[in-house]
Amino acid sequence: MTERLDLRRARLNAGLSIRGAARTIGVHEQVIRRLEAGEGVRPESVKPVADYFGVKVLDIAPDLMDAAA
C-alpha cells in the first residue's frame, strides 16, 4: 500500500494557503480541502495537485487504487 503524502505539510512548506494552492495549481479550493482531509475527489482533480508537488496520484489519494480494482 502506498503511504499518503501529507498534503497540508507539503502545501505549507511551499508557503501556500489553501486558496493560493488552488489558484496556483488550477483546481477549486474544495479539492485541496478534501484531499487534506483524506476525503474523496475525482481522479482528474488529483492529477494537477500530484503534478505540482512532483508525486504520483496514488501518493495523494491511495484510495483511488481501491476504486480502480
N, C-alpha and C. Protein backbone atom coordinates (compact mmCIF):
# COMPACT_ATOMS: atom_id res chain seq x y z
N MET A 1 0.84 -1.19 0.00
CA MET A 1 0.00 0.00 0.00
C MET A 1 0.88 1.25 0.00
N THR A 2 0.47 2.23 -0.73
CA THR A 2 1.20 3.49 -0.84
C THR A 2 0.91 4.37 0.37
N GLU A 3 1.95 4.99 0.92
CA GLU A 3 1.75 5.90 2.03
C GLU A 3 1.29 7.25 1.50
N ARG A 4 0.30 7.81 2.16
CA ARG A 4 -0.28 9.08 1.72
C ARG A 4 0.67 10.25 2.02
N LEU A 5 0.86 11.11 1.03
CA LEU A 5 1.63 12.34 1.21
C LEU A 5 0.88 13.24 2.18
N ASP A 6 1.58 13.87 3.10
CA ASP A 6 0.96 14.85 3.98
C ASP A 6 0.82 16.14 3.17
N LEU A 7 -0.30 16.24 2.49
CA LEU A 7 -0.52 17.36 1.57
C LEU A 7 -0.52 18.70 2.28
N ARG A 8 -1.10 18.74 3.45
CA ARG A 8 -1.13 20.00 4.20
C ARG A 8 0.30 20.47 4.50
N ARG A 9 1.12 19.56 4.96
CA ARG A 9 2.52 19.91 5.25
C ARG A 9 3.25 20.36 3.98
N ALA A 10 3.04 19.63 2.89
CA ALA A 10 3.69 19.99 1.62
C ALA A 10 3.24 21.38 1.16
N ARG A 11 1.95 21.64 1.31
CA ARG A 11 1.40 22.95 0.91
C ARG A 11 2.00 24.06 1.76
N LEU A 12 2.02 23.85 3.07
CA LEU A 12 2.57 24.87 3.97
C LEU A 12 4.06 25.07 3.74
N ASN A 13 4.80 23.98 3.48
CA ASN A 13 6.23 24.09 3.17
C ASN A 13 6.47 24.89 1.90
N ALA A 14 5.49 24.84 0.99
CA ALA A 14 5.59 25.62 -0.25
C ALA A 14 5.15 27.07 -0.03
N GLY A 15 4.71 27.39 1.19
CA GLY A 15 4.30 28.75 1.51
C GLY A 15 2.95 29.12 0.93
N LEU A 16 2.09 28.12 0.76
CA LEU A 16 0.79 28.36 0.12
C LEU A 16 -0.37 28.19 1.09
N SER A 17 -1.32 29.10 1.00
CA SER A 17 -2.60 28.92 1.68
C SER A 17 -3.43 27.95 0.85
N ILE A 18 -4.55 27.53 1.36
CA ILE A 18 -5.43 26.67 0.57
C ILE A 18 -5.84 27.41 -0.70
N ARG A 19 -6.24 28.65 -0.55
CA ARG A 19 -6.65 29.45 -1.70
C ARG A 19 -5.50 29.63 -2.69
N GLY A 20 -4.32 29.93 -2.17
CA GLY A 20 -3.15 30.12 -3.02
C GLY A 20 -2.77 28.85 -3.76
N ALA A 21 -2.83 27.72 -3.06
CA ALA A 21 -2.52 26.44 -3.71
C ALA A 21 -3.52 26.16 -4.82
N ALA A 22 -4.80 26.35 -4.52
CA ALA A 22 -5.84 26.08 -5.52
C ALA A 22 -5.64 26.95 -6.76
N ARG A 23 -5.37 28.22 -6.56
CA ARG A 23 -5.16 29.13 -7.70
C ARG A 23 -3.91 28.77 -8.49
N THR A 24 -2.83 28.47 -7.77
CA THR A 24 -1.57 28.14 -8.42
C THR A 24 -1.69 26.85 -9.22
N ILE A 25 -2.36 25.86 -8.64
CA ILE A 25 -2.47 24.55 -9.27
C ILE A 25 -3.58 24.53 -10.33
N GLY A 26 -4.59 25.37 -10.14
CA GLY A 26 -5.68 25.43 -11.11
C GLY A 26 -6.85 24.50 -10.77
N VAL A 27 -7.06 24.28 -9.47
CA VAL A 27 -8.21 23.48 -9.03
C VAL A 27 -9.03 24.31 -8.06
N HIS A 28 -10.22 23.82 -7.74
CA HIS A 28 -11.09 24.51 -6.79
C HIS A 28 -10.53 24.31 -5.38
N GLU A 29 -10.73 25.30 -4.51
CA GLU A 29 -10.26 25.20 -3.13
C GLU A 29 -10.78 23.94 -2.45
N GLN A 30 -12.00 23.55 -2.77
CA GLN A 30 -12.59 22.37 -2.14
C GLN A 30 -11.79 21.10 -2.43
N VAL A 31 -11.14 21.05 -3.58
CA VAL A 31 -10.30 19.89 -3.92
C VAL A 31 -9.16 19.79 -2.91
N ILE A 32 -8.51 20.90 -2.64
CA ILE A 32 -7.40 20.92 -1.68
C ILE A 32 -7.91 20.55 -0.30
N ARG A 33 -9.01 21.15 0.12
CA ARG A 33 -9.57 20.85 1.44
C ARG A 33 -9.91 19.37 1.60
N ARG A 34 -10.57 18.81 0.59
CA ARG A 34 -10.99 17.41 0.66
C ARG A 34 -9.78 16.47 0.65
N LEU A 35 -8.80 16.77 -0.17
CA LEU A 35 -7.60 15.93 -0.20
C LEU A 35 -6.86 15.98 1.13
N GLU A 36 -6.75 17.15 1.72
CA GLU A 36 -6.07 17.27 3.01
C GLU A 36 -6.83 16.54 4.11
N ALA A 37 -8.14 16.45 3.99
CA ALA A 37 -8.96 15.76 4.98
C ALA A 37 -9.05 14.26 4.71
N GLY A 38 -8.44 13.81 3.60
CA GLY A 38 -8.49 12.40 3.26
C GLY A 38 -9.81 11.97 2.65
N GLU A 39 -10.57 12.95 2.16
CA GLU A 39 -11.85 12.66 1.53
C GLU A 39 -11.67 12.45 0.04
N GLY A 40 -12.63 11.81 -0.56
CA GLY A 40 -12.56 11.51 -1.98
C GLY A 40 -12.77 12.70 -2.89
N VAL A 41 -12.08 12.69 -3.99
CA VAL A 41 -12.27 13.66 -5.07
C VAL A 41 -12.15 12.90 -6.38
N ARG A 42 -12.56 13.52 -7.46
CA ARG A 42 -12.44 12.88 -8.76
C ARG A 42 -10.96 12.72 -9.14
N PRO A 43 -10.63 11.58 -9.76
CA PRO A 43 -9.23 11.35 -10.13
C PRO A 43 -8.64 12.47 -10.99
N GLU A 44 -9.43 13.03 -11.88
CA GLU A 44 -8.90 14.10 -12.73
C GLU A 44 -8.59 15.37 -11.95
N SER A 45 -9.16 15.50 -10.75
CA SER A 45 -8.85 16.65 -9.91
C SER A 45 -7.56 16.45 -9.12
N VAL A 46 -7.19 15.18 -8.91
CA VAL A 46 -5.98 14.89 -8.13
C VAL A 46 -4.72 15.07 -8.97
N LYS A 47 -4.78 14.78 -10.24
CA LYS A 47 -3.59 14.80 -11.09
C LYS A 47 -2.85 16.14 -11.08
N PRO A 48 -3.55 17.28 -11.26
CA PRO A 48 -2.80 18.54 -11.24
C PRO A 48 -2.12 18.80 -9.89
N VAL A 49 -2.73 18.34 -8.82
CA VAL A 49 -2.13 18.52 -7.48
C VAL A 49 -0.88 17.64 -7.37
N ALA A 50 -1.00 16.40 -7.80
CA ALA A 50 0.15 15.50 -7.78
C ALA A 50 1.28 16.04 -8.65
N ASP A 51 0.94 16.50 -9.83
CA ASP A 51 1.96 17.06 -10.73
C ASP A 51 2.67 18.25 -10.09
N TYR A 52 1.92 19.13 -9.45
CA TYR A 52 2.51 20.32 -8.83
C TYR A 52 3.53 19.92 -7.75
N PHE A 53 3.17 18.93 -6.93
CA PHE A 53 4.05 18.53 -5.84
C PHE A 53 5.06 17.46 -6.25
N GLY A 54 5.03 17.06 -7.51
CA GLY A 54 6.02 16.12 -8.03
C GLY A 54 5.88 14.72 -7.48
N VAL A 55 4.65 14.30 -7.26
CA VAL A 55 4.39 12.95 -6.74
C VAL A 55 3.37 12.25 -7.63
N LYS A 56 3.15 10.97 -7.36
CA LYS A 56 2.15 10.22 -8.10
C LYS A 56 0.77 10.47 -7.51
N VAL A 57 -0.25 10.30 -8.33
CA VAL A 57 -1.64 10.48 -7.88
C VAL A 57 -1.90 9.61 -6.65
N LEU A 58 -1.43 8.38 -6.67
CA LEU A 58 -1.68 7.47 -5.55
C LEU A 58 -0.95 7.88 -4.27
N ASP A 59 0.06 8.76 -4.37
CA ASP A 59 0.72 9.28 -3.17
C ASP A 59 -0.19 10.27 -2.43
N ILE A 60 -1.11 10.87 -3.16
CA ILE A 60 -2.04 11.83 -2.57
C ILE A 60 -3.36 11.17 -2.25
N ALA A 61 -3.80 10.28 -3.12
CA ALA A 61 -5.12 9.64 -2.97
C ALA A 61 -4.99 8.14 -3.17
N PRO A 62 -4.37 7.42 -2.21
CA PRO A 62 -4.20 5.97 -2.38
C PRO A 62 -5.51 5.21 -2.48
N ASP A 63 -6.59 5.80 -1.99
CA ASP A 63 -7.89 5.14 -2.09
C ASP A 63 -8.36 5.00 -3.53
N LEU A 64 -7.77 5.74 -4.46
CA LEU A 64 -8.14 5.61 -5.87
C LEU A 64 -7.75 4.23 -6.41
N MET A 65 -6.72 3.62 -5.82
CA MET A 65 -6.34 2.27 -6.25
C MET A 65 -7.46 1.30 -5.91
N ASP A 66 -8.09 1.46 -4.76
CA ASP A 66 -9.20 0.60 -4.37
C ASP A 66 -10.38 0.78 -5.30
N ALA A 67 -10.61 2.01 -5.74
CA ALA A 67 -11.73 2.31 -6.64
C ALA A 67 -11.50 1.70 -8.03
N ALA A 68 -10.22 1.59 -8.43
CA ALA A 68 -9.90 1.06 -9.74
C ALA A 68 -9.97 -0.46 -9.78
N ALA A 69 -9.89 -1.08 -8.61
CA ALA A 69 -9.89 -2.57 -8.54
C ALA A 69 -11.27 -3.16 -8.72
